Amino acid sequence: EAGRAEPGKQPEDRVPDAPATLMVKSPIRSGQSIFHAHGDVIVLGSVASGSEIVAAGSIHVYGTLRGRAS
């Protein structure tokens, strides 16, 4: 049967997926929210006041950060 391991053999080891990186190439405007639960966020622009970035990993902003990052 498919999916059954033979006696004495281990099922294939799965390599966990690496956390994905979200790259935002445009400015984040006031009122916008970026939520990324599976890795880092890279912003190649400014983050306006009244906007927010939430990430499970690191947040990198290569521009002016006036909003909230957590």
PDB file of N, CA and C in Angstrom:
ATOM      1  N   GLU A   1       0.837  -1.190   0.000  1.00  0.00           N
ATOM      2  CA  GLU A   1       0.000   0.000   0.000  1.00  0.00           C
ATOM      3  C   GLU A   1       0.877   1.246   0.000  1.00  0.00           C
ATOM      4  N   ALA A   2       0.416   2.242  -0.676  1.00  0.00           N
ATOM      5  CA  ALA A   2       1.147   3.498  -0.707  1.00  0.00           C
ATOM      6  C   ALA A   2       1.071   4.165   0.655  1.00  0.00           C
ATOM      7  N   GLY A   3       2.184   4.772   1.075  1.00  0.00           N
ATOM      8  CA  GLY A   3       2.194   5.501   2.341  1.00  0.00           C
ATOM      9  C   GLY A   3       2.589   4.655   3.539  1.00  0.00           C
ATOM     10  N   ARG A   4       2.720   3.348   3.376  1.00  0.00           N
ATOM     11  CA  ARG A   4       3.119   2.505   4.497  1.00  0.00           C
ATOM     12  C   ARG A   4       4.595   2.179   4.381  1.00  0.00           C
ATOM     13  N   ALA A   5       5.313   2.270   5.468  1.00  0.00           N
ATOM     14  CA  ALA A   5       6.728   1.920   5.482  1.00  0.00           C
ATOM     15  C   ALA A   5       6.861   0.425   5.719  1.00  0.00           C
ATOM     16  N   GLU A   6       7.872  -0.153   5.077  1.00  0.00           N
ATOM     17  CA  GLU A   6       8.125  -1.577   5.291  1.00  0.00           C
ATOM     18  C   GLU A   6       8.669  -1.772   6.694  1.00  0.00           C
ATOM     19  N   PRO A   7       8.416  -2.964   7.296  1.00  0.00           N
ATOM     20  CA  PRO A   7       8.946  -3.209   8.639  1.00  0.00           C
ATOM     21  C   PRO A   7      10.467  -3.072   8.642  1.00  0.00           C
ATOM     22  N   GLY A   8      10.975  -2.386   9.655  1.00  0.00           N
ATOM     23  CA  GLY A   8      12.415  -2.206   9.787  1.00  0.00           C
ATOM     24  C   GLY A   8      12.946  -0.992   9.039  1.00  0.00           C
ATOM     25  N   LYS A   9      12.113  -0.317   8.275  1.00  0.00           N
ATOM     26  CA  LYS A   9      12.556   0.870   7.553  1.00  0.00           C
ATOM     27  C   LYS A   9      11.841   2.094   8.117  1.00  0.00           C
ATOM     28  N   GLN A  10      12.574   3.195   8.188  1.00  0.00           N
ATOM     29  CA  GLN A  10      12.014   4.445   8.690  1.00  0.00           C
ATOM     30  C   GLN A  10      11.416   5.236   7.530  1.00  0.00           C
ATOM     31  N   PRO A  11      10.334   5.959   7.764  1.00  0.00           N
ATOM     32  CA  PRO A  11       9.828   6.839   6.710  1.00  0.00           C
ATOM     33  C   PRO A  11      10.886   7.896   6.386  1.00  0.00           C
ATOM     34  N   GLU A  12      10.810   8.444   5.195  1.00  0.00           N
ATOM     35  CA  GLU A  12      11.786   9.449   4.784  1.00  0.00           C
ATOM     36  C   GLU A  12      11.766  10.631   5.739  1.00  0.00           C
ATOM     37  N   ASP A  13      12.972  11.088   6.084  1.00  0.00           N
ATOM     38  CA  ASP A  13      13.075  12.273   6.930  1.00  0.00           C
ATOM     39  C   ASP A  13      12.730  13.495   6.097  1.00  0.00           C
ATOM     40  N   ARG A  14      11.870  14.328   6.640  1.00  0.00           N
ATOM     41  CA  ARG A  14      11.523  15.568   5.951  1.00  0.00           C
ATOM     42  C   ARG A  14      12.373  16.689   6.496  1.00  0.00           C
ATOM     43  N   VAL A  15      12.936  17.458   5.603  1.00  0.00           N
ATOM     44  CA  VAL A  15      13.678  18.643   6.000  1.00  0.00           C
ATOM     45  C   VAL A  15      12.664  19.758   6.178  1.00  0.00           C
ATOM     46  N   PRO A  16      12.645  20.401   7.354  1.00  0.00           N
ATOM     47  CA  PRO A  16      11.661  21.467   7.557  1.00  0.00           C
ATOM     48  C   PRO A  16      11.901  22.601   6.566  1.00  0.00           C
ATOM     49  N   ASP A  17      10.815  23.195   6.106  1.00  0.00           N
ATOM     50  CA  ASP A  17      10.922  24.306   5.178  1.00  0.00           C
ATOM     51  C   ASP A  17      11.559  25.497   5.878  1.00  0.00           C
ATOM     52  N   ALA A  18      12.469  26.170   5.168  1.00  0.00           N
ATOM     53  CA  ALA A  18      13.108  27.357   5.723  1.00  0.00           C
ATOM     54  C   ALA A  18      12.084  28.495   5.764  1.00  0.00           C
ATOM     55  N   PRO A  19      12.171  29.346   6.784  1.00  0.00           N
ATOM     56  CA  PRO A  19      11.246  30.467   6.832  1.00  0.00           C
ATOM     57  C   PRO A  19      11.390  31.328   5.582  1.00  0.00           C
ATOM     58  N   ALA A  20      10.298  31.762   5.033  1.00  0.00           N
ATOM     59  CA  ALA A  20      10.311  32.578   3.823  1.00  0.00           C
ATOM     60  C   ALA A  20      10.547  34.040   4.182  1.00  0.00           C
ATOM     61  N   THR A  21      11.199  34.754   3.274  1.00  0.00           N
ATOM     62  CA  THR A  21      11.421  36.179   3.451  1.00  0.00           C
ATOM     63  C   THR A  21      10.471  36.935   2.534  1.00  0.00           C
ATOM     64  N   LEU A  22       9.771  37.901   3.087  1.00  0.00           N
ATOM     65  CA  LEU A  22       8.868  38.740   2.313  1.00  0.00           C
ATOM     66  C   LEU A  22       9.598  40.032   1.977  1.00  0.00           C
ATOM     67  N   MET A  23       9.714  40.337   0.674  1.00  0.00           N
ATOM     68  CA  MET A  23      10.366  41.569   0.256  1.00  0.00           C
ATOM     69  C   MET A  23       9.316  42.518  -0.316  1.00  0.00           C
ATOM     70  N   VAL A  24       9.245  43.715   0.258  1.00  0.00           N
ATOM     71  CA  VAL A  24       8.303  44.742  -0.188  1.00  0.00           C
ATOM     72  C   VAL A  24       9.125  45.822  -0.882  1.00  0.00           C
ATOM     73  N   LYS A  25       8.869  46.019  -2.181  1.00  0.00           N
ATOM     74  CA  LYS A  25       9.682  46.951  -2.967  1.00  0.00           C
ATOM     75  C   LYS A  25       9.051  48.322  -3.121  1.00  0.00           C
ATOM     76  N   SER A  26       7.931  48.553  -2.485  1.00  0.00           N
ATOM     77  CA  SER A  26       7.263  49.852  -2.579  1.00  0.00           C
ATOM     78  C   SER A  26       7.086  50.427  -1.176  1.00  0.00           C
ATOM     79  N   PRO A  27       6.891  51.735  -1.074  1.00  0.00           N
ATOM     80  CA  PRO A  27       6.664  52.342   0.245  1.00  0.00           C
ATOM     81  C   PRO A  27       5.378  51.809   0.880  1.00  0.00           C
ATOM     82  N   ILE A  28       5.354  51.769   2.186  1.00  0.00           N
ATOM     83  CA  ILE A  28       4.160  51.349   2.918  1.00  0.00           C
ATOM     84  C   ILE A  28       3.467  52.620   3.399  1.00  0.00           C
ATOM     85  N   ARG A  29       2.239  52.805   2.949  1.00  0.00           N
ATOM     86  CA  ARG A  29       1.503  54.036   3.228  1.00  0.00           C
ATOM     87  C   ARG A  29       0.794  53.981   4.571  1.00  0.00           C
ATOM     88  N   SER A  30       0.399  55.138   5.037  1.00  0.00           N
ATOM     89  CA  SER A  30      -0.349  55.243   6.282  1.00  0.00           C
ATOM     90  C   SER A  30      -1.630  54.427   6.187  1.00  0.00           C
ATOM     91  N   GLY A  31      -1.910  53.647   7.202  1.00  0.00           N
ATOM     92  CA  GLY A  31      -3.097  52.801   7.223  1.00  0.00           C
ATOM     93  C   GLY A  31      -2.846  51.398   6.708  1.00  0.00           C
ATOM     94  N   GLN A  32      -1.722  51.171   6.042  1.00  0.00           N
ATOM     95  CA  GLN A  32      -1.406  49.829   5.557  1.00  0.00           C
ATOM     96  C   GLN A  32      -0.786  49.002   6.677  1.00  0.00           C
ATOM     97  N   SER A  33      -1.000  47.701   6.602  1.00  0.00           N
ATOM     98  CA  SER A  33      -0.445  46.779   7.580  1.00  0.00           C
ATOM     99  C   SER A  33       0.142  45.583   6.847  1.00  0.00           C
ATOM    100  N   ILE A  34       1.366  45.206   7.202  1.00  0.00           N
ATOM    101  CA  ILE A  34       2.035  44.039   6.641  1.00  0.00           C
ATOM    102  C   ILE A  34       2.181  43.031   7.772  1.00  0.00           C
ATOM    103  N   PHE A  35       1.662  41.813   7.577  1.00  0.00           N
ATOM    104  CA  PHE A  35       1.773  40.752   8.576  1.00  0.00           C
ATOM    105  C   PHE A  35       2.385  39.531   7.901  1.00  0.00           C
ATOM    106  N   HIS A  36       3.534  39.070   8.416  1.00  0.00           N
ATOM    107  CA  HIS A  36       4.213  37.907   7.840  1.00  0.00           C
ATOM    108  C   HIS A  36       4.576  36.965   8.984  1.00  0.00           C
ATOM    109  N   ALA A  37       3.855  35.867   9.104  1.00  0.00           N
ATOM    110  CA  ALA A  37       4.009  34.959  10.242  1.00  0.00           C
ATOM    111  C   ALA A  37       5.054  33.876  10.041  1.00  0.00           C
ATOM    112  N   HIS A  38       5.759  33.895   8.902  1.00  0.00           N
ATOM    113  CA  HIS A  38       6.659  32.778   8.617  1.00  0.00           C
ATOM    114  C   HIS A  38       8.082  33.186   8.299  1.00  0.00           C
ATOM    115  N   GLY A  39       8.540  34.327   8.747  1.00  0.00           N
ATOM    116  CA  GLY A  39       9.919  34.700   8.474  1.00  0.00           C
ATOM    117  C   GLY A  39      10.166  36.192   8.576  1.00  0.00           C
ATOM    118  N   ASP A  40      11.198  36.648   7.831  1.00  0.00           N
ATOM    119  CA  ASP A  40      11.638  38.034   7.866  1.00  0.00           C
ATOM    120  C   ASP A  40      10.862  38.885   6.872  1.00  0.00           C
ATOM    121  N   VAL A  41      10.879  40.199   7.105  1.00  0.00           N
ATOM    122  CA  VAL A  41      10.310  41.167   6.171  1.00  0.00           C
ATOM    123  C   VAL A  41      11.400  42.174   5.827  1.00  0.00           C
ATOM    124  N   ILE A  42      11.597  42.416   4.531  1.00  0.00           N
ATOM    125  CA  ILE A  42      12.531  43.426   4.048  1.00  0.00           C
ATOM    126  C   ILE A  42      11.718  44.462   3.291  1.00  0.00           C
ATOM    127  N   VAL A  43      11.860  45.731   3.678  1.00  0.00           N
ATOM    128  CA  VAL A  43      11.154  46.823   3.008  1.00  0.00           C
ATOM    129  C   VAL A  43      12.193  47.703   2.321  1.00  0.00           C
ATOM    130  N   LEU A  44      12.081  47.828   0.994  1.00  0.00           N
ATOM    131  CA  LEU A  44      13.002  48.654   0.216  1.00  0.00           C
ATOM    132  C   LEU A  44      12.360  50.012  -0.065  1.00  0.00           C
ATOM    133  N   GLY A  45      11.934  50.660   0.973  1.00  0.00           N
ATOM    134  CA  GLY A  45      11.276  51.958   0.857  1.00  0.00           C
ATOM    135  C   GLY A  45      10.932  52.459   2.239  1.00  0.00           C
ATOM    136  N   SER A  46      10.186  53.514   2.295  1.00  0.00           N
ATOM    137  CA  SER A  46       9.842  54.102   3.585  1.00  0.00           C
ATOM    138  C   SER A  46       8.575  53.464   4.152  1.00  0.00           C
ATOM    139  N   VAL A  47       8.431  53.620   5.471  1.00  0.00           N
ATOM    140  CA  VAL A  47       7.252  53.134   6.186  1.00  0.00           C
ATOM    141  C   VAL A  47       6.624  54.360   6.845  1.00  0.00           C
ATOM    142  N   ALA A  48       5.471  54.777   6.366  1.00  0.00           N
ATOM    143  CA  ALA A  48       4.830  56.011   6.828  1.00  0.00           C
ATOM    144  C   ALA A  48       4.243  55.855   8.232  1.00  0.00           C
ATOM    145  N   SER A  49       4.066  56.985   8.899  1.00  0.00           N
ATOM    146  CA  SER A  49       3.414  56.947  10.209  1.00  0.00           C
ATOM    147  C   SER A  49       1.982  56.472  10.022  1.00  0.00           C
ATOM    148  N   GLY A  50       1.499  55.719  10.968  1.00  0.00           N
ATOM    149  CA  GLY A  50       0.156  55.159  10.872  1.00  0.00           C
ATOM    150  C   GLY A  50       0.120  53.812  10.181  1.00  0.00           C
ATOM    151  N   SER A  51       1.277  53.290   9.781  1.00  0.00           N
ATOM    152  CA  SER A  51       1.339  51.948   9.186  1.00  0.00           C
ATOM    153  C   SER A  51       2.085  51.037  10.146  1.00  0.00           C
ATOM    154  N   GLU A  52       1.999  49.725   9.890  1.00  0.00           N
ATOM    155  CA  GLU A  52       2.692  48.788  10.773  1.00  0.00           C
ATOM    156  C   GLU A  52       3.202  47.580  10.000  1.00  0.00           C
ATOM    157  N   ILE A  53       4.280  47.002  10.538  1.00  0.00           N
ATOM    158  CA  ILE A  53       4.859  45.770  10.010  1.00  0.00           C
ATOM    159  C   ILE A  53       4.975  44.809  11.182  1.00  0.00           C
ATOM    160  N   VAL A  54       4.433  43.613  11.025  1.00  0.00           N
ATOM    161  CA  VAL A  54       4.524  42.578  12.050  1.00  0.00           C
ATOM    162  C   VAL A  54       5.124  41.348  11.387  1.00  0.00           C
ATOM    163  N   ALA A  55       6.187  40.796  11.986  1.00  0.00           N
ATOM    164  CA  ALA A  55       6.860  39.639  11.402  1.00  0.00           C
ATOM    165  C   ALA A  55       7.274  38.663  12.491  1.00  0.00           C
ATOM    166  N   ALA A  56       7.323  37.381  12.122  1.00  0.00           N
ATOM    167  CA  ALA A  56       7.788  36.355  13.054  1.00  0.00           C
ATOM    168  C   ALA A  56       9.300  36.432  13.213  1.00  0.00           C
ATOM    169  N   GLY A  57       9.981  36.887  12.163  1.00  0.00           N
ATOM    170  CA  GLY A  57      11.438  37.007  12.189  1.00  0.00           C
ATOM    171  C   GLY A  57      11.857  38.465  12.309  1.00  0.00           C
ATOM    172  N   SER A  58      12.959  38.787  11.642  1.00  0.00           N
ATOM    173  CA  SER A  58      13.507  40.140  11.672  1.00  0.00           C
ATOM    174  C   SER A  58      12.797  41.044  10.678  1.00  0.00           C
ATOM    175  N   ILE A  59      12.866  42.345  10.948  1.00  0.00           N
ATOM    176  CA  ILE A  59      12.313  43.353  10.046  1.00  0.00           C
ATOM    177  C   ILE A  59      13.454  44.270   9.635  1.00  0.00           C
ATOM    178  N   HIS A  60      13.681  44.403   8.341  1.00  0.00           N
ATOM    179  CA  HIS A  60      14.721  45.270   7.794  1.00  0.00           C
ATOM    180  C   HIS A  60      14.043  46.347   6.964  1.00  0.00           C
ATOM    181  N   VAL A  61      14.276  47.608   7.302  1.00  0.00           N
ATOM    182  CA  VAL A  61      13.692  48.718   6.550  1.00  0.00           C
ATOM    183  C   VAL A  61      14.848  49.542   5.992  1.00  0.00           C
ATOM    184  N   TYR A  62      14.968  49.582   4.665  1.00  0.00           N
ATOM    185  CA  TYR A  62      16.003  50.370   4.003  1.00  0.00           C
ATOM    186  C   TYR A  62      15.366  51.649   3.481  1.00  0.00           C
ATOM    187  N   GLY A  63      14.954  52.472   4.406  1.00  0.00           N
ATOM    188  CA  GLY A  63      14.278  53.736   4.147  1.00  0.00           C
ATOM    189  C   GLY A  63      13.915  54.314   5.504  1.00  0.00           C
ATOM    190  N   THR A  64      13.086  55.316   5.512  1.00  0.00           N
ATOM    191  CA  THR A  64      12.666  55.960   6.754  1.00  0.00           C
ATOM    192  C   THR A  64      11.551  55.155   7.414  1.00  0.00           C
ATOM    193  N   LEU A  65      11.737  54.872   8.690  1.00  0.00           N
ATOM    194  CA  LEU A  65      10.707  54.151   9.457  1.00  0.00           C
ATOM    195  C   LEU A  65      10.006  55.153  10.359  1.00  0.00           C
ATOM    196  N   ARG A  66       8.762  55.461  10.032  1.00  0.00           N
ATOM    197  CA  ARG A  66       7.972  56.358  10.870  1.00  0.00           C
ATOM    198  C   ARG A  66       6.786  55.618  11.502  1.00  0.00           C
ATOM    199  N   GLY A  67       6.480  54.443  10.974  1.00  0.00           N
ATOM    200  CA  GLY A  67       5.375  53.631  11.487  1.00  0.00           C
ATOM    201  C   GLY A  67       5.845  52.699  12.581  1.00  0.00           C
ATOM    202  N   ARG A  68       5.079  51.662  12.807  1.00  0.00           N
ATOM    203  CA  ARG A  68       5.341  50.702  13.880  1.00  0.00           C
ATOM    204  C   ARG A  68       5.888  49.406  13.296  1.00  0.00           C
ATOM    205  N   ALA A  69       6.930  48.864  13.918  1.00  0.00           N
ATOM    206  CA  ALA A  69       7.516  47.584  13.495  1.00  0.00           C
ATOM    207  C   ALA A  69       7.649  46.699  14.734  1.00  0.00           C
ATOM    208  N   SER A  70       7.080  45.491  14.654  1.00  0.00           N
ATOM    209  CA  SER A  70       7.182  44.571  15.807  1.00  0.00           C
ATOM    210  C   SER A  70       7.200  43.142  15.325  1.00  0.00           C
TER     211      SER A  70
END
